[in-house]
C-alpha atoms as a PDB file:
ATOM      1  CA  MET A   1     143.126  77.702 124.663  1.00  0.00           C
ATOM      2  CA  THR A   2     143.921  75.870 121.339  1.00  0.00           C
ATOM      3  CA  ASP A   3     142.119  76.508 117.834  1.00  0.00           C
ATOM      4  CA  GLY A   4     140.429  73.279 118.110  1.00  0.00           C
ATOM      5  CA  ALA A   5     139.186  73.659 121.829  1.00  0.00           C
ATOM      6  CA  ARG A   6     137.717  77.016 120.740  1.00  0.00           C
ATOM      7  CA  THR A   7     133.846  77.293 120.861  1.00  0.00           C
ATOM      8  CA  THR A   8     132.066  79.059 118.118  1.00  0.00           C
ATOM      9  CA  ARG A   9     128.773  80.896 118.383  1.00  0.00           C
ATOM     10  CA  PRO A  10     125.995  78.918 116.529  1.00  0.00           C
ATOM     11  CA  PHE A  11     125.071  80.673 113.405  1.00  0.00           C
ATOM     12  CA  ARG A  12     121.222  81.852 113.424  1.00  0.00           C
ATOM     13  CA  GLN A  13     119.566  82.013 109.956  1.00  0.00           C
ATOM     14  CA  ARG A  14     117.778  84.911 109.133  1.00  0.00           C
ATOM     15  CA  THR A  15     114.770  85.693 106.860  1.00  0.00           C
ATOM     16  CA  ILE A  16     115.249  88.271 104.119  1.00  0.00           C
ATOM     17  CA  ALA A  17     113.818  90.911 106.717  1.00  0.00           C
ATOM     18  CA  GLY A  18     116.820  90.350 109.188  1.00  0.00           C
ATOM     19  CA  ALA A  19     114.328  88.268 111.260  1.00  0.00           C
ATOM     20  CA  GLU A  20     114.574  84.936 113.016  1.00  0.00           C
ATOM     21  CA  PRO A  21     112.171  82.369 111.157  1.00  0.00           C
ATOM     22  CA  VAL A  22     108.791  82.061 112.745  1.00  0.00           C
ATOM     23  CA  GLU A  23     107.866  78.157 112.438  1.00  0.00           C
ATOM     24  CA  LYS A  24     104.117  78.819 113.829  1.00  0.00           C
ATOM     25  CA  PRO A  25     102.272  82.217 113.271  1.00  0.00           C
ATOM     26  CA  ILE A  26     101.223  83.574 116.489  1.00  0.00           C
ATOM     27  CA  VAL A  27     100.287  87.231 115.780  1.00  0.00           C
ATOM     28  CA  VAL A  28      97.919  86.351 112.840  1.00  0.00           C
ATOM     29  CA  PRO A  29      95.786  84.044 115.069  1.00  0.00           C
ATOM     30  CA  THR A  30      95.865  86.352 118.021  1.00  0.00           C
ATOM     31  CA  LEU A  31      94.415  89.236 115.641  1.00  0.00           C
ATOM     32  CA  ILE A  32      91.894  86.912 114.299  1.00  0.00           C
ATOM     33  CA  VAL A  33      90.912  86.180 117.781  1.00  0.00           C
ATOM     34  CA  ILE A  34      90.637  89.834 118.693  1.00  0.00           C
ATOM     35  CA  ASN A  35      88.562  90.664 115.671  1.00  0.00           C
ATOM     36  CA  VAL A  36      85.999  87.842 116.410  1.00  0.00           C
ATOM     37  CA  LEU A  37      85.664  88.872 120.099  1.00  0.00           C
ATOM     38  CA  ILE A  38      84.600  92.508 118.985  1.00  0.00           C
ATOM     39  CA  TYR A  39      82.215  91.303 116.447  1.00  0.00           C
ATOM     40  CA  ALA A  40      80.789  88.935 119.070  1.00  0.00           C
ATOM     41  CA  PHE A  41      80.502  91.844 121.606  1.00  0.00           C
ATOM     42  CA  THR A  42      79.012  94.426 118.991  1.00  0.00           C
ATOM     43  CA  ALA A  43      76.353  91.826 118.022  1.00  0.00           C
ATOM     44  CA  TYR A  44      75.923  91.141 121.806  1.00  0.00           C
ATOM     45  CA  GLN A  45      75.119  95.068 121.990  1.00  0.00           C
ATOM     46  CA  ALA A  46      73.005  95.183 118.938  1.00  0.00           C
ATOM     47  CA  HIS A  47      71.077  91.967 119.701  1.00  0.00           C
ATOM     48  CA  SER A  48      71.878  90.963 116.269  1.00  0.00           C
ATOM     49  CA  ILE A  49      74.531  88.870 114.517  1.00  0.00           C
ATOM     50  CA  GLY A  50      73.401  89.992 111.059  1.00  0.00           C
ATOM     51  CA  ASP A  51      73.965  93.447 111.568  1.00  0.00           C
ATOM     52  CA  VAL A  52      75.617  95.230 114.280  1.00  0.00           C
ATOM     53  CA  THR A  53      75.788  98.709 113.347  1.00  0.00           C
ATOM     54  CA  SER A  54      73.244  99.667 116.205  1.00  0.00           C
ATOM     55  CA  SER A  55      75.729  98.483 118.657  1.00  0.00           C
ATOM     56  CA  ALA A  56      77.033 101.512 120.830  1.00  0.00           C
ATOM     57  CA  LEU A  57      80.860 100.224 120.789  1.00  0.00           C
ATOM     58  CA  PHE A  58      80.269 100.200 116.789  1.00  0.00           C
ATOM     59  CA  ASN A  59      79.132 103.525 116.592  1.00  0.00           C
ATOM     60  CA  GLN A  60      82.195 104.666 119.156  1.00  0.00           C
ATOM     61  CA  TRP A  61      84.424 102.934 117.174  1.00  0.00           C
ATOM     62  CA  ALA A  62      83.599 103.221 113.266  1.00  0.00           C
ATOM     63  CA  GLU A  63      85.319 106.005 111.376  1.00  0.00           C
ATOM     64  CA  VAL A  64      83.152 109.049 110.445  1.00  0.00           C
ATOM     65  CA  PRO A  65      85.888 111.524 109.176  1.00  0.00           C
ATOM     66  CA  VAL A  66      83.960 114.796 110.716  1.00  0.00           C
ATOM     67  CA  LEU A  67      83.685 112.961 113.933  1.00  0.00           C
ATOM     68  CA  VAL A  68      87.541 112.358 114.042  1.00  0.00           C
ATOM     69  CA  ALA A  69      88.194 116.199 113.409  1.00  0.00           C
ATOM     70  CA  HIS A  70      85.724 116.618 116.458  1.00  0.00           C
ATOM     71  CA  GLY A  71      87.768 114.587 118.909  1.00  0.00           C
ATOM     72  CA  PHE A  72      87.026 111.120 118.122  1.00  0.00           C
ATOM     73  CA  TRP A  73      90.479 110.551 116.923  1.00  0.00           C
ATOM     74  CA  TRP A  74      90.639 106.976 118.097  1.00  0.00           C
ATOM     75  CA  GLN A  75      88.259 105.801 115.075  1.00  0.00           C
ATOM     76  CA  VAL A  76      90.986 106.017 112.663  1.00  0.00           C
ATOM     77  CA  ILE A  77      92.603 102.881 114.343  1.00  0.00           C
ATOM     78  CA  THR A  78      89.624 101.218 115.964  1.00  0.00           C
ATOM     79  CA  SER A  79      87.454 101.270 112.798  1.00  0.00           C
ATOM     80  CA  GLY A  80      90.008  98.664 111.710  1.00  0.00           C
ATOM     81  CA  PHE A  81      88.891  96.199 114.329  1.00  0.00           C
ATOM     82  CA  LEU A  82      85.027  96.344 113.445  1.00  0.00           C
ATOM     83  CA  HIS A  83      82.832  94.394 111.144  1.00  0.00           C
ATOM     84  CA  VAL A  84      79.444  94.821 109.848  1.00  0.00           C
ATOM     85  CA  THR A  85      77.864  91.373 108.947  1.00  0.00           C
ATOM     86  CA  PRO A  86      79.191  87.626 109.269  1.00  0.00           C
ATOM     87  CA  VAL A  87      80.209  87.686 105.700  1.00  0.00           C
ATOM     88  CA  HIS A  88      82.164  90.871 106.195  1.00  0.00           C
ATOM     89  CA  ILE A  89      84.098  89.333 108.976  1.00  0.00           C
ATOM     90  CA  VAL A  90      84.574  85.693 107.683  1.00  0.00           C
ATOM     91  CA  LEU A  91      85.821  86.914 104.234  1.00  0.00           C
ATOM     92  CA  ASN A  92      88.502  89.438 105.985  1.00  0.00           C
ATOM     93  CA  MET A  93      89.520  86.805 108.622  1.00  0.00           C
ATOM     94  CA  LEU A  94      90.083  84.232 105.864  1.00  0.00           C
ATOM     95  CA  SER A  95      92.080  86.511 103.727  1.00  0.00           C
ATOM     96  CA  LEU A  96      93.958  87.644 107.044  1.00  0.00           C
ATOM     97  CA  TRP A  97      94.692  84.006 107.760  1.00  0.00           C
ATOM     98  CA  TRP A  98      95.725  83.122 104.042  1.00  0.00           C
ATOM     99  CA  ILE A  99      97.937  85.887 103.497  1.00  0.00           C
ATOM    100  CA  GLY A 100      99.270  86.909 106.857  1.00  0.00           C
ATOM    101  CA  LYS A 101     100.878  83.504 108.052  1.00  0.00           C
ATOM    102  CA  ASP A 102     103.399  83.119 105.568  1.00  0.00           C
ATOM    103  CA  LEU A 103     104.049  86.768 105.582  1.00  0.00           C
ATOM    104  CA  GLU A 104     104.552  86.644 109.598  1.00  0.00           C
ATOM    105  CA  ARG A 105     106.902  83.831 108.861  1.00  0.00           C
ATOM    106  CA  ILE A 106     109.053  85.846 106.618  1.00  0.00           C
ATOM    107  CA  LEU A 107     108.923  89.378 108.652  1.00  0.00           C
ATOM    108  CA  GLY A 108     108.903  88.148 111.997  1.00  0.00           C
ATOM    109  CA  ARG A 109     106.291  88.849 114.583  1.00  0.00           C
ATOM    110  CA  VAL A 110     107.359  92.261 115.483  1.00  0.00           C
ATOM    111  CA  ARG A 111     107.994  93.518 111.906  1.00  0.00           C
ATOM    112  CA  PHE A 112     104.791  91.809 110.964  1.00  0.00           C
ATOM    113  CA  ILE A 113     102.790  93.590 113.522  1.00  0.00           C
ATOM    114  CA  ALA A 114     104.302  96.798 112.735  1.00  0.00           C
ATOM    115  CA  VAL A 115     103.273  96.502 108.713  1.00  0.00           C
ATOM    116  CA  TYR A 116      99.725  95.471 109.998  1.00  0.00           C
ATOM    117  CA  LEU A 117      98.950  98.156 112.262  1.00  0.00           C
ATOM    118  CA  VAL A 118     100.633 100.961 110.040  1.00  0.00           C
ATOM    119  CA  SER A 119      98.597  99.456 107.047  1.00  0.00           C
ATOM    120  CA  LEU A 120      95.420  99.848 109.115  1.00  0.00           C
ATOM    121  CA  PHE A 121      96.592 103.305 110.044  1.00  0.00           C
ATOM    122  CA  GLY A 122      96.977 104.191 106.426  1.00  0.00           C
ATOM    123  CA  GLY A 123      93.809 102.966 105.322  1.00  0.00           C
ATOM    124  CA  GLY A 124      91.989 105.342 108.052  1.00  0.00           C
ATOM    125  CA  VAL A 125      93.998 107.910 107.328  1.00  0.00           C
ATOM    126  CA  SER A 126      93.081 107.649 103.717  1.00  0.00           C
ATOM    127  CA  VAL A 127      89.242 107.582 104.443  1.00  0.00           C
ATOM    128  CA  LEU A 128      89.788 110.541 106.788  1.00  0.00           C
ATOM    129  CA  ALA A 129      91.588 112.386 103.855  1.00  0.00           C
ATOM    130  CA  PHE A 130      89.400 111.651 100.661  1.00  0.00           C
ATOM    131  CA  ALA A 131      86.235 109.885 102.023  1.00  0.00           C
ATOM    132  CA  ASN A 132      83.007 111.601 102.560  1.00  0.00           C
ATOM    133  CA  PRO A 133      83.331 113.626 106.012  1.00  0.00           C
ATOM    134  CA  ALA A 134      80.006 112.086 107.222  1.00  0.00           C
ATOM    135  CA  GLY A 135      80.343 108.647 105.831  1.00  0.00           C
ATOM    136  CA  GLN A 136      81.049 105.616 108.366  1.00  0.00           C
ATOM    137  CA  VAL A 137      83.701 103.214 107.683  1.00  0.00           C
ATOM    138  CA  ALA A 138      84.490  99.947 109.559  1.00  0.00           C
ATOM    139  CA  GLY A 139      86.562  96.802 108.378  1.00  0.00           C
ATOM    140  CA  ALA A 140      89.932  95.287 108.644  1.00  0.00           C
ATOM    141  CA  SER A 141      90.377  95.409 104.880  1.00  0.00           C
ATOM    142  CA  GLY A 142      92.831  98.000 104.795  1.00  0.00           C
ATOM    143  CA  ALA A 143      95.256  96.434 106.988  1.00  0.00           C
ATOM    144  CA  VAL A 144      94.442  93.037 104.988  1.00  0.00           C
ATOM    145  CA  PHE A 145      95.375  95.114 101.890  1.00  0.00           C
ATOM    146  CA  GLY A 146      98.455  96.228 103.222  1.00  0.00           C
ATOM    147  CA  LEU A 147      99.387  92.730 103.803  1.00  0.00           C
ATOM    148  CA  LEU A 148      98.772  92.099 100.037  1.00  0.00           C
ATOM    149  CA  GLY A 149     101.255  95.077  99.253  1.00  0.00           C
ATOM    150  CA  GLY A 150     103.825  93.376 101.766  1.00  0.00           C
ATOM    151  CA  VAL A 151     103.632  90.158  99.964  1.00  0.00           C
ATOM    152  CA  LEU A 152     103.948  91.610  96.614  1.00  0.00           C
ATOM    153  CA  VAL A 153     107.260  93.508  97.858  1.00  0.00           C
ATOM    154  CA  VAL A 154     108.628  90.187  99.103  1.00  0.00           C
ATOM    155  CA  VAL A 155     107.789  88.178  95.929  1.00  0.00           C
ATOM    156  CA  LEU A 156     109.709  90.926  93.784  1.00  0.00           C
ATOM    157  CA  LYS A 157     112.507  90.701  96.286  1.00  0.00           C
ATOM    158  CA  LEU A 158     112.689  87.119  95.962  1.00  0.00           C
ATOM    159  CA  LYS A 159     112.692  87.607  92.024  1.00  0.00           C
ATOM    160  CA  LEU A 160     109.608  85.293  91.796  1.00  0.00           C
ATOM    161  CA  ASN A 161     106.455  85.537  89.477  1.00  0.00           C
ATOM    162  CA  PRO A 162     104.306  88.306  90.975  1.00  0.00           C
ATOM    163  CA  GLY A 163     101.642  87.594  88.456  1.00  0.00           C
ATOM    164  CA  SER A 164      99.183  85.773  91.000  1.00  0.00           C
ATOM    165  CA  VAL A 165      99.517  88.546  93.714  1.00  0.00           C
ATOM    166  CA  ILE A 166      99.259  91.229  91.199  1.00  0.00           C
ATOM    167  CA  ALA A 167      96.063  89.469  89.902  1.00  0.00           C
ATOM    168  CA  THR A 168      94.582  89.071  93.437  1.00  0.00           C
ATOM    169  CA  ILE A 169      95.227  92.644  94.099  1.00  0.00           C
ATOM    170  CA  ALA A 170      93.512  93.661  90.868  1.00  0.00           C
ATOM    171  CA  ILE A 171      90.527  91.472  91.486  1.00  0.00           C
ATOM    172  CA  ASN A 172      89.864  92.737  94.903  1.00  0.00           C
ATOM    173  CA  LEU A 173      90.261  96.473  93.755  1.00  0.00           C
ATOM    174  CA  VAL A 174      87.576  95.630  91.068  1.00  0.00           C
ATOM    175  CA  LEU A 175      85.295  94.028  93.778  1.00  0.00           C
ATOM    176  CA  SER A 176      85.892  97.210  96.034  1.00  0.00           C
ATOM    177  CA  VAL A 177      84.394  99.476  93.199  1.00  0.00           C
ATOM    178  CA  ALA A 178      81.626  96.952  91.938  1.00  0.00           C
ATOM    179  CA  ILE A 179      80.145  95.898  95.420  1.00  0.00           C
ATOM    180  CA  PRO A 180      78.423  98.654  97.338  1.00  0.00           C
ATOM    181  CA  GLY A 181      79.518  99.746 100.719  1.00  0.00           C
ATOM    182  CA  ILE A 182      83.043  98.936 100.456  1.00  0.00           C
ATOM    183  CA  SER A 183      85.641 101.415 101.040  1.00  0.00           C
ATOM    184  CA  LEU A 184      87.994 101.554  97.926  1.00  0.00           C
ATOM    185  CA  LEU A 185      90.094 104.484  99.713  1.00  0.00           C
ATOM    186  CA  GLY A 186      90.641 102.550 102.558  1.00  0.00           C
ATOM    187  CA  HIS A 187      92.055  99.413 100.489  1.00  0.00           C
ATOM    188  CA  LEU A 188      94.049 101.556  98.562  1.00  0.00           C
ATOM    189  CA  GLY A 189      95.611 103.363 101.514  1.00  0.00           C
ATOM    190  CA  GLY A 190      96.203 100.259 103.452  1.00  0.00           C
ATOM    191  CA  LEU A 191      97.872  98.669  99.989  1.00  0.00           C
ATOM    192  CA  VAL A 192     100.460 101.693  99.394  1.00  0.00           C
ATOM    193  CA  VAL A 193     101.463 101.963 103.082  1.00  0.00           C
ATOM    194  CA  GLY A 194     101.766  98.342 103.663  1.00  0.00           C
ATOM    195  CA  ALA A 195     103.916  97.906 100.289  1.00  0.00           C
ATOM    196  CA  LEU A 196     105.869 101.105 101.441  1.00  0.00           C
ATOM    197  CA  ILE A 197     106.632  99.700 105.075  1.00  0.00           C
ATOM    198  CA  THR A 198     107.245  96.203 103.730  1.00  0.00           C
ATOM    199  CA  ALA A 199     109.899  97.844 101.272  1.00  0.00           C
ATOM    200  CA  ALA A 200     111.771  99.761 104.047  1.00  0.00           C
ATOM    201  CA  ILE A 201     111.854  96.602 106.168  1.00  0.00           C
ATOM    202  CA  ILE A 202     113.153  94.222 103.226  1.00  0.00           C
ATOM    203  CA  TYR A 203     115.458  96.699 101.489  1.00  0.00           C
ATOM    204  CA  ALA A 204     116.940  98.165 104.954  1.00  0.00           C
ATOM    205  CA  PRO A 205     120.921  98.292 104.913  1.00  0.00           C
ATOM    206  CA  GLU A 206     122.352  95.158 106.497  1.00  0.00           C
ATOM    207  CA  VAL A 207     124.433  97.579 108.859  1.00  0.00           C
ATOM    208  CA  ASN A 208     122.285  98.478 111.484  1.00  0.00           C
ATOM    209  CA  ARG A 209     119.191  97.113 109.877  1.00  0.00           C
ATOM    210  CA  LYS A 210     117.085  97.216 112.821  1.00  0.00           C
ATOM    211  CA  TYR A 211     117.366 100.728 113.341  1.00  0.00           C
ATOM    212  CA  TRP A 212     116.878 101.714 109.542  1.00  0.00           C
ATOM    213  CA  GLN A 213     113.673  99.658 109.691  1.00  0.00           C
ATOM    214  CA  ALA A 214     112.366 101.197 113.127  1.00  0.00           C
ATOM    215  CA  GLY A 215     113.080 104.554 111.572  1.00  0.00           C
ATOM    216  CA  ALA A 216     111.143 104.041 108.567  1.00  0.00           C
ATOM    217  CA  VAL A 217     108.209 102.769 110.416  1.00  0.00           C
ATOM    218  CA  ALA A 218     108.475 105.833 112.746  1.00  0.00           C
ATOM    219  CA  VAL A 219     108.918 108.071 109.692  1.00  0.00           C
ATOM    220  CA  ALA A 220     105.923 106.673 108.163  1.00  0.00           C
ATOM    221  CA  VAL A 221     103.646 106.994 111.381  1.00  0.00           C
ATOM    222  CA  LEU A 222     104.849 110.707 111.628  1.00  0.00           C
ATOM    223  CA  ALA A 223     103.750 111.353 108.004  1.00  0.00           C
ATOM    224  CA  LEU A 224     100.219 109.745 108.571  1.00  0.00           C
ATOM    225  CA  LEU A 225      99.588 111.826 111.638  1.00  0.00           C
ATOM    226  CA  GLY A 226     100.641 114.832 109.930  1.00  0.00           C
ATOM    227  CA  LEU A 227      97.997 114.072 107.396  1.00  0.00           C
ATOM    228  CA  VAL A 228      95.572 113.712 110.262  1.00  0.00           C
ATOM    229  CA  PHE A 229      96.361 116.841 111.772  1.00  0.00           C
ATOM    230  CA  LEU A 230      95.951 118.459 108.275  1.00  0.00           C
ATOM    231  CA  ARG A 231      92.496 116.891 107.695  1.00  0.00           C
ATOM    232  CA  ASP A 232      91.479 117.757 111.114  1.00  0.00           C
ATOM    233  CA  ALA A 233      91.982 121.630 110.512  1.00  0.00           C
ATOM    234  CA  GLN A 234      90.058 121.186 107.163  1.00  0.00           C
ATOM    235  CA  LEU A 235      87.090 119.517 108.501  1.00  0.00           C
ATOM    236  CA  ALA A 236      86.838 121.624 111.974  1.00  0.00           C
ATOM    237  CA  PRO A 237      84.537 123.972 110.383  1.00  0.00           C
ATOM    238  CA  PHE A 238      81.934 121.391 109.537  1.00  0.00           C
ATOM    239  CA  VAL A 239      79.254 121.726 112.432  1.00  0.00           C
ATOM    240  CA  LEU A 240      77.991 118.081 113.876  1.00  0.00           C
ATOM    241  CA  GLY A 241      74.353 117.598 114.219  1.00  0.00           C
ATOM    242  CA  PRO A 242      72.381 117.688 117.119  1.00  0.00           C
END
């Protein structure tokens, strides 16, 4: 075969994360649908859309650190799919859409899911480690803050002006302190973990990049699990009420 007849492989464009570009986000709307359906079910159980905290599912899934230490381990994750009021879920889902749709295009679907879920886990672990052991926490805000941290990392990587992202993060952290009932610890945990995971993905070496990225995510998950086991041991002596 001559050089002129030789066929070449078409070049596939990649994003800065090493992912194939995503034209239409799928993960973000899927997450929104899941959150809305769960909220609808808890509202059905509570016979109210205004406050679903009396729902059986809500009380099984919302995170109470002392309960996590006594076997309700799933609450560290499931609490990130619950919302208390219509305003709570509307604000979180709008934020998820505005922030997540562009980040999904940059990271690709698999990497985006990793950032979202590990950020959600990081927010839950932060609550477990530092919040009131008997307090109840729920909401997707930790994961949303993780996406905000991821956007900041991407903006810095692209050498764009980070002012608007930093201002958004600062305003939301101030609101986390100013408005009663919002978990600042969950927000901070999600923000830090999301930024770190995104940085590991974006700055991974190009050689064997997928393996470096997967390894970084695995290390983060293992570190968070280590904190869960440590905190469980600390909270184990707490006696549950009748």
